[in-house]
Amino acid sequence: MPKPALILVDIQNDYFEGGRWPVHEMDRVGENAARLLAAAREAGDTIIHVRHEIPSDEAPFFRPGSEGAQINAVVAPVEGEPVLLKNRPNSFVGTDLLERLKAAGAQEVTICGAMSQMCIDATARAAADHGFKVTVVEDACGPKETAFNGTTVPAPLVHAAIMGALSGTYAKVVSTQDYLKG
């Protein structure tokens, strides 16, 4: 049976209400991610937390050493759960994520966190390119509205577009409820 790993990406204080860069419905995202984390702990799965820092004191969010750059308490790591620091959207770039997954014997990964259109998308695609069977738990991922060329795209539509693009090609995309049903 394939060994699973849960990768929690950028569930950090700046993405929650009151933070420097709030993400759409991040409280719900955090609660669902906490449910996934509890299930992974109970099953003895590999768990890896990833957090982002933008290497500048002028950064709009995730400033190095700031409270906003810390992992939110809802998914706080416990002793023995690694926390990888990254500076790029793809959680594999500049980290030892791939080596840790290989060392753990992981063949499939479950990804959750934020932002759907940046770090979740980049990490899921990279995981698939590295040969992992990828599951993205969509309601444990948070989008942010975006704009291009004078058009603002609301967060729910951004999320739908990204999950639609990942689904079937790069990942199996499921809800928390369906994932936990097994």
C-alpha atoms as a PDB file:
ATOM      1  CA  MET A   1       0.000   0.000   0.000  1.00  0.00           C
ATOM      2  CA  PRO A   2       1.399   3.458  -0.902  1.00  0.00           C
ATOM      3  CA  LYS A   3       2.773   5.497   1.984  1.00  0.00           C
ATOM      4  CA  PRO A   4       0.966   8.847   2.257  1.00  0.00           C
ATOM      5  CA  ALA A   5       2.293  12.235   3.313  1.00  0.00           C
ATOM      6  CA  LEU A   6       0.371  15.373   4.237  1.00  0.00           C
ATOM      7  CA  ILE A   7       1.911  18.670   3.143  1.00  0.00           C
ATOM      8  CA  LEU A   8       0.439  21.769   4.808  1.00  0.00           C
ATOM      9  CA  VAL A   9       1.474  24.811   2.781  1.00  0.00           C
ATOM     10  CA  ASP A  10       1.567  28.373   4.114  1.00  0.00           C
ATOM     11  CA  ILE A  11      -1.209  28.198   6.700  1.00  0.00           C
ATOM     12  CA  GLN A  12       0.283  31.320   8.245  1.00  0.00           C
ATOM     13  CA  ASN A  13      -1.067  34.168  10.334  1.00  0.00           C
ATOM     14  CA  ASP A  14      -0.822  36.847   7.620  1.00  0.00           C
ATOM     15  CA  TYR A  15      -3.405  34.940   5.552  1.00  0.00           C
ATOM     16  CA  PHE A  16      -6.033  35.047   8.332  1.00  0.00           C
ATOM     17  CA  GLU A  17      -8.334  37.985   9.161  1.00  0.00           C
ATOM     18  CA  GLY A  18      -6.282  40.678  10.845  1.00  0.00           C
ATOM     19  CA  GLY A  19      -3.152  39.581   8.975  1.00  0.00           C
ATOM     20  CA  ARG A  20      -1.344  41.579   6.318  1.00  0.00           C
ATOM     21  CA  TRP A  21      -2.733  39.587   3.316  1.00  0.00           C
ATOM     22  CA  PRO A  22      -6.069  37.919   4.221  1.00  0.00           C
ATOM     23  CA  VAL A  23      -7.149  35.015   2.049  1.00  0.00           C
ATOM     24  CA  HIS A  24     -10.789  34.226   1.252  1.00  0.00           C
ATOM     25  CA  GLU A  25     -12.426  32.128   4.005  1.00  0.00           C
ATOM     26  CA  MET A  26      -9.072  31.284   5.593  1.00  0.00           C
ATOM     27  CA  ASP A  27     -10.730  30.371   8.905  1.00  0.00           C
ATOM     28  CA  ARG A  28     -12.666  27.589   7.121  1.00  0.00           C
ATOM     29  CA  VAL A  29      -9.522  26.536   5.274  1.00  0.00           C
ATOM     30  CA  GLY A  30      -7.628  26.324   8.566  1.00  0.00           C
ATOM     31  CA  GLU A  31     -10.369  24.293  10.243  1.00  0.00           C
ATOM     32  CA  ASN A  32     -10.431  21.795   7.370  1.00  0.00           C
ATOM     33  CA  ALA A  33      -6.645  21.583   7.323  1.00  0.00           C
ATOM     34  CA  ALA A  34      -6.738  20.903  11.076  1.00  0.00           C
ATOM     35  CA  ARG A  35      -9.116  17.993  10.447  1.00  0.00           C
ATOM     36  CA  LEU A  36      -6.702  16.579   7.836  1.00  0.00           C
ATOM     37  CA  LEU A  37      -3.784  17.057  10.226  1.00  0.00           C
ATOM     38  CA  ALA A  38      -5.581  15.240  13.058  1.00  0.00           C
ATOM     39  CA  ALA A  39      -6.375  12.314  10.754  1.00  0.00           C
ATOM     40  CA  ALA A  40      -2.778  12.140   9.474  1.00  0.00           C
ATOM     41  CA  ARG A  41      -1.431  12.163  13.027  1.00  0.00           C
ATOM     42  CA  GLU A  42      -3.825   9.396  14.039  1.00  0.00           C
ATOM     43  CA  ALA A  43      -2.833   7.299  11.012  1.00  0.00           C
ATOM     44  CA  GLY A  44       0.886   7.857  11.590  1.00  0.00           C
ATOM     45  CA  ASP A  45       1.333   9.442   8.151  1.00  0.00           C
ATOM     46  CA  THR A  46       4.286  11.621   7.274  1.00  0.00           C
ATOM     47  CA  ILE A  47       3.449  15.262   7.997  1.00  0.00           C
ATOM     48  CA  ILE A  48       5.398  18.211   6.643  1.00  0.00           C
ATOM     49  CA  HIS A  49       4.598  21.850   7.343  1.00  0.00           C
ATOM     50  CA  VAL A  50       5.820  24.462   4.892  1.00  0.00           C
ATOM     51  CA  ARG A  51       5.921  28.171   5.580  1.00  0.00           C
ATOM     52  CA  HIS A  52       6.865  31.070   3.372  1.00  0.00           C
ATOM     53  CA  GLU A  53       8.962  34.121   4.111  1.00  0.00           C
ATOM     54  CA  ILE A  54       9.563  36.896   1.621  1.00  0.00           C
ATOM     55  CA  PRO A  55      13.213  37.790   2.200  1.00  0.00           C
ATOM     56  CA  SER A  56      12.718  41.532   2.720  1.00  0.00           C
ATOM     57  CA  ASP A  57      11.757  43.732   5.635  1.00  0.00           C
ATOM     58  CA  GLU A  58       9.750  45.713   3.063  1.00  0.00           C
ATOM     59  CA  ALA A  59       7.637  42.688   2.044  1.00  0.00           C
ATOM     60  CA  PRO A  60       3.866  43.313   2.072  1.00  0.00           C
ATOM     61  CA  PHE A  61       3.377  40.111   4.123  1.00  0.00           C
ATOM     62  CA  PHE A  62       5.339  37.097   5.470  1.00  0.00           C
ATOM     63  CA  ARG A  63       8.167  39.362   6.616  1.00  0.00           C
ATOM     64  CA  PRO A  64      11.105  37.407   8.053  1.00  0.00           C
ATOM     65  CA  GLY A  65      10.740  36.749  11.763  1.00  0.00           C
ATOM     66  CA  SER A  66       7.301  38.383  11.974  1.00  0.00           C
ATOM     67  CA  GLU A  67       4.263  36.979  13.785  1.00  0.00           C
ATOM     68  CA  GLY A  68       2.431  37.040  10.446  1.00  0.00           C
ATOM     69  CA  ALA A  69       4.970  34.648   8.944  1.00  0.00           C
ATOM     70  CA  GLN A  70       4.392  32.057  11.687  1.00  0.00           C
ATOM     71  CA  ILE A  71       2.191  29.001  11.207  1.00  0.00           C
ATOM     72  CA  ASN A  72      -1.310  29.614  12.530  1.00  0.00           C
ATOM     73  CA  ALA A  73      -2.175  27.914  15.817  1.00  0.00           C
ATOM     74  CA  VAL A  74      -5.013  25.927  14.215  1.00  0.00           C
ATOM     75  CA  VAL A  75      -2.395  23.674  12.556  1.00  0.00           C
ATOM     76  CA  ALA A  76       0.556  24.220  14.863  1.00  0.00           C
ATOM     77  CA  PRO A  77       3.251  21.590  14.404  1.00  0.00           C
ATOM     78  CA  VAL A  78       4.039  19.246  17.244  1.00  0.00           C
ATOM     79  CA  GLU A  79       7.459  17.936  18.173  1.00  0.00           C
ATOM     80  CA  GLY A  80       8.880  15.800  15.385  1.00  0.00           C
ATOM     81  CA  GLU A  81       6.881  17.423  12.579  1.00  0.00           C
ATOM     82  CA  PRO A  82       9.294  19.281  10.320  1.00  0.00           C
ATOM     83  CA  VAL A  83       8.687  22.875   9.264  1.00  0.00           C
ATOM     84  CA  LEU A  84      10.331  23.808   5.980  1.00  0.00           C
ATOM     85  CA  LEU A  85      11.053  27.432   5.152  1.00  0.00           C
ATOM     86  CA  LYS A  86      10.612  28.463   1.531  1.00  0.00           C
ATOM     87  CA  ASN A  87      10.943  31.675  -0.435  1.00  0.00           C
ATOM     88  CA  ARG A  88       9.249  30.580  -3.678  1.00  0.00           C
ATOM     89  CA  PRO A  89       5.687  29.415  -4.514  1.00  0.00           C
ATOM     90  CA  ASN A  90       6.849  25.858  -5.299  1.00  0.00           C
ATOM     91  CA  SER A  91       7.480  24.118  -1.970  1.00  0.00           C
ATOM     92  CA  PHE A  92      10.155  21.930  -3.574  1.00  0.00           C
ATOM     93  CA  VAL A  93      12.373  24.850  -4.663  1.00  0.00           C
ATOM     94  CA  GLY A  94      15.102  25.703  -2.183  1.00  0.00           C
ATOM     95  CA  THR A  95      13.914  23.145   0.402  1.00  0.00           C
ATOM     96  CA  ASP A  96      14.603  19.504   1.153  1.00  0.00           C
ATOM     97  CA  LEU A  97      10.939  18.530   0.673  1.00  0.00           C
ATOM     98  CA  LEU A  98      11.687  15.980  -2.061  1.00  0.00           C
ATOM     99  CA  GLU A  99      14.438  14.343  -0.014  1.00  0.00           C
ATOM    100  CA  ARG A 100      12.210  14.161   3.075  1.00  0.00           C
ATOM    101  CA  LEU A 101       9.357  12.575   1.104  1.00  0.00           C
ATOM    102  CA  LYS A 102      11.699  10.024  -0.448  1.00  0.00           C
ATOM    103  CA  ALA A 103      13.308   9.236   2.925  1.00  0.00           C
ATOM    104  CA  ALA A 104       9.835   8.639   4.383  1.00  0.00           C
ATOM    105  CA  GLY A 105       8.973   6.292   1.519  1.00  0.00           C
ATOM    106  CA  ALA A 106       6.046   8.492   0.506  1.00  0.00           C
ATOM    107  CA  GLN A 107       4.492   7.624  -2.832  1.00  0.00           C
ATOM    108  CA  GLU A 108       1.426   9.815  -2.549  1.00  0.00           C
ATOM    109  CA  VAL A 109       0.977  13.300  -1.154  1.00  0.00           C
ATOM    110  CA  THR A 110      -2.028  15.224   0.054  1.00  0.00           C
ATOM    111  CA  ILE A 111      -1.706  18.983  -0.219  1.00  0.00           C
ATOM    112  CA  CYS A 112      -3.642  21.747   1.523  1.00  0.00           C
ATOM    113  CA  GLY A 113      -3.100  25.385   2.416  1.00  0.00           C
ATOM    114  CA  ALA A 114      -2.829  28.685   0.613  1.00  0.00           C
ATOM    115  CA  MET A 115      -2.969  30.325  -1.818  1.00  0.00           C
ATOM    116  CA  SER A 116      -4.779  28.100  -4.275  1.00  0.00           C
ATOM    117  CA  GLN A 117      -3.502  29.982  -7.321  1.00  0.00           C
ATOM    118  CA  MET A 118       0.098  30.254  -6.197  1.00  0.00           C
ATOM    119  CA  CYS A 119       1.768  27.866  -3.781  1.00  0.00           C
ATOM    120  CA  ILE A 120      -0.862  25.109  -3.925  1.00  0.00           C
ATOM    121  CA  ASP A 121      -0.872  25.102  -7.721  1.00  0.00           C
ATOM    122  CA  ALA A 122       2.939  25.218  -7.976  1.00  0.00           C
ATOM    123  CA  THR A 123       3.493  22.555  -5.305  1.00  0.00           C
ATOM    124  CA  ALA A 124       0.851  20.161  -6.675  1.00  0.00           C
ATOM    125  CA  ARG A 125       2.217  20.370 -10.204  1.00  0.00           C
ATOM    126  CA  ALA A 126       5.785  19.875  -8.989  1.00  0.00           C
ATOM    127  CA  ALA A 127       4.767  16.883  -6.853  1.00  0.00           C
ATOM    128  CA  ALA A 128       3.141  15.272  -9.888  1.00  0.00           C
ATOM    129  CA  ASP A 129       6.235  16.026 -11.980  1.00  0.00           C
ATOM    130  CA  HIS A 130       8.330  14.284  -9.300  1.00  0.00           C
ATOM    131  CA  GLY A 131       6.167  11.170  -9.709  1.00  0.00           C
ATOM    132  CA  PHE A 132       3.947  11.386  -6.653  1.00  0.00           C
ATOM    133  CA  LYS A 133       0.266  10.527  -6.711  1.00  0.00           C
ATOM    134  CA  VAL A 134      -1.232  13.884  -5.696  1.00  0.00           C
ATOM    135  CA  THR A 135      -4.460  14.720  -3.888  1.00  0.00           C
ATOM    136  CA  VAL A 136      -5.501  18.332  -3.309  1.00  0.00           C
ATOM    137  CA  VAL A 137      -8.172  18.865  -0.662  1.00  0.00           C
ATOM    138  CA  GLU A 138      -9.909  21.829  -2.218  1.00  0.00           C
ATOM    139  CA  ASP A 139     -11.876  23.152   0.751  1.00  0.00           C
ATOM    140  CA  ALA A 140      -8.684  23.072   2.811  1.00  0.00           C
ATOM    141  CA  CYS A 141      -7.111  25.453   0.284  1.00  0.00           C
ATOM    142  CA  GLY A 142      -7.653  29.199   0.156  1.00  0.00           C
ATOM    143  CA  PRO A 143      -7.683  31.548  -2.825  1.00  0.00           C
ATOM    144  CA  LYS A 144      -7.325  35.313  -3.037  1.00  0.00           C
ATOM    145  CA  GLU A 145      -8.996  37.517  -5.595  1.00  0.00           C
ATOM    146  CA  THR A 146      -6.722  38.654  -8.364  1.00  0.00           C
ATOM    147  CA  ALA A 147      -6.774  41.189 -11.158  1.00  0.00           C
ATOM    148  CA  PHE A 148      -5.361  41.344 -14.644  1.00  0.00           C
ATOM    149  CA  ASN A 149      -5.661  43.920 -17.355  1.00  0.00           C
ATOM    150  CA  GLY A 150      -8.458  45.784 -15.593  1.00  0.00           C
ATOM    151  CA  THR A 151     -10.478  42.672 -14.741  1.00  0.00           C
ATOM    152  CA  THR A 152     -10.865  41.614 -11.114  1.00  0.00           C
ATOM    153  CA  VAL A 153     -11.504  37.913 -10.609  1.00  0.00           C
ATOM    154  CA  PRO A 154     -13.272  37.055  -7.334  1.00  0.00           C
ATOM    155  CA  ALA A 155     -11.601  34.511  -5.053  1.00  0.00           C
ATOM    156  CA  PRO A 156     -14.201  31.728  -5.576  1.00  0.00           C
ATOM    157  CA  LEU A 157     -13.699  31.918  -9.363  1.00  0.00           C
ATOM    158  CA  VAL A 158      -9.924  31.936  -8.999  1.00  0.00           C
ATOM    159  CA  HIS A 159     -10.236  28.821  -6.819  1.00  0.00           C
ATOM    160  CA  ALA A 160     -12.558  27.064  -9.282  1.00  0.00           C
ATOM    161  CA  ALA A 161     -10.236  27.783 -12.207  1.00  0.00           C
ATOM    162  CA  ILE A 162      -7.168  26.448 -10.380  1.00  0.00           C
ATOM    163  CA  MET A 163      -8.888  23.357  -8.985  1.00  0.00           C
ATOM    164  CA  GLY A 164     -10.381  22.658 -12.406  1.00  0.00           C
ATOM    165  CA  ALA A 165      -6.953  22.889 -14.027  1.00  0.00           C
ATOM    166  CA  LEU A 166      -5.352  20.595 -11.430  1.00  0.00           C
ATOM    167  CA  SER A 167      -8.174  18.052 -11.366  1.00  0.00           C
ATOM    168  CA  GLY A 168      -7.481  14.930 -13.337  1.00  0.00           C
ATOM    169  CA  THR A 169      -4.259  16.142 -14.920  1.00  0.00           C
ATOM    170  CA  TYR A 170      -2.063  16.824 -11.931  1.00  0.00           C
ATOM    171  CA  ALA A 171      -4.145  15.740  -8.973  1.00  0.00           C
ATOM    172  CA  LYS A 172      -7.246  14.160  -7.601  1.00  0.00           C
ATOM    173  CA  VAL A 173      -9.225  17.102  -6.190  1.00  0.00           C
ATOM    174  CA  VAL A 174     -11.601  16.265  -3.328  1.00  0.00           C
ATOM    175  CA  SER A 175     -13.403  17.834  -0.370  1.00  0.00           C
ATOM    176  CA  THR A 176     -12.295  17.347   3.222  1.00  0.00           C
ATOM    177  CA  GLN A 177     -15.387  15.265   3.918  1.00  0.00           C
ATOM    178  CA  ASP A 178     -14.779  12.929   0.980  1.00  0.00           C
ATOM    179  CA  TYR A 179     -11.078  12.662   1.779  1.00  0.00           C
ATOM    180  CA  LEU A 180     -11.719  11.712   5.392  1.00  0.00           C
ATOM    181  CA  LYS A 181     -14.291   9.094   4.358  1.00  0.00           C
ATOM    182  CA  GLY A 182     -11.421   7.318   2.699  1.00  0.00           C
END
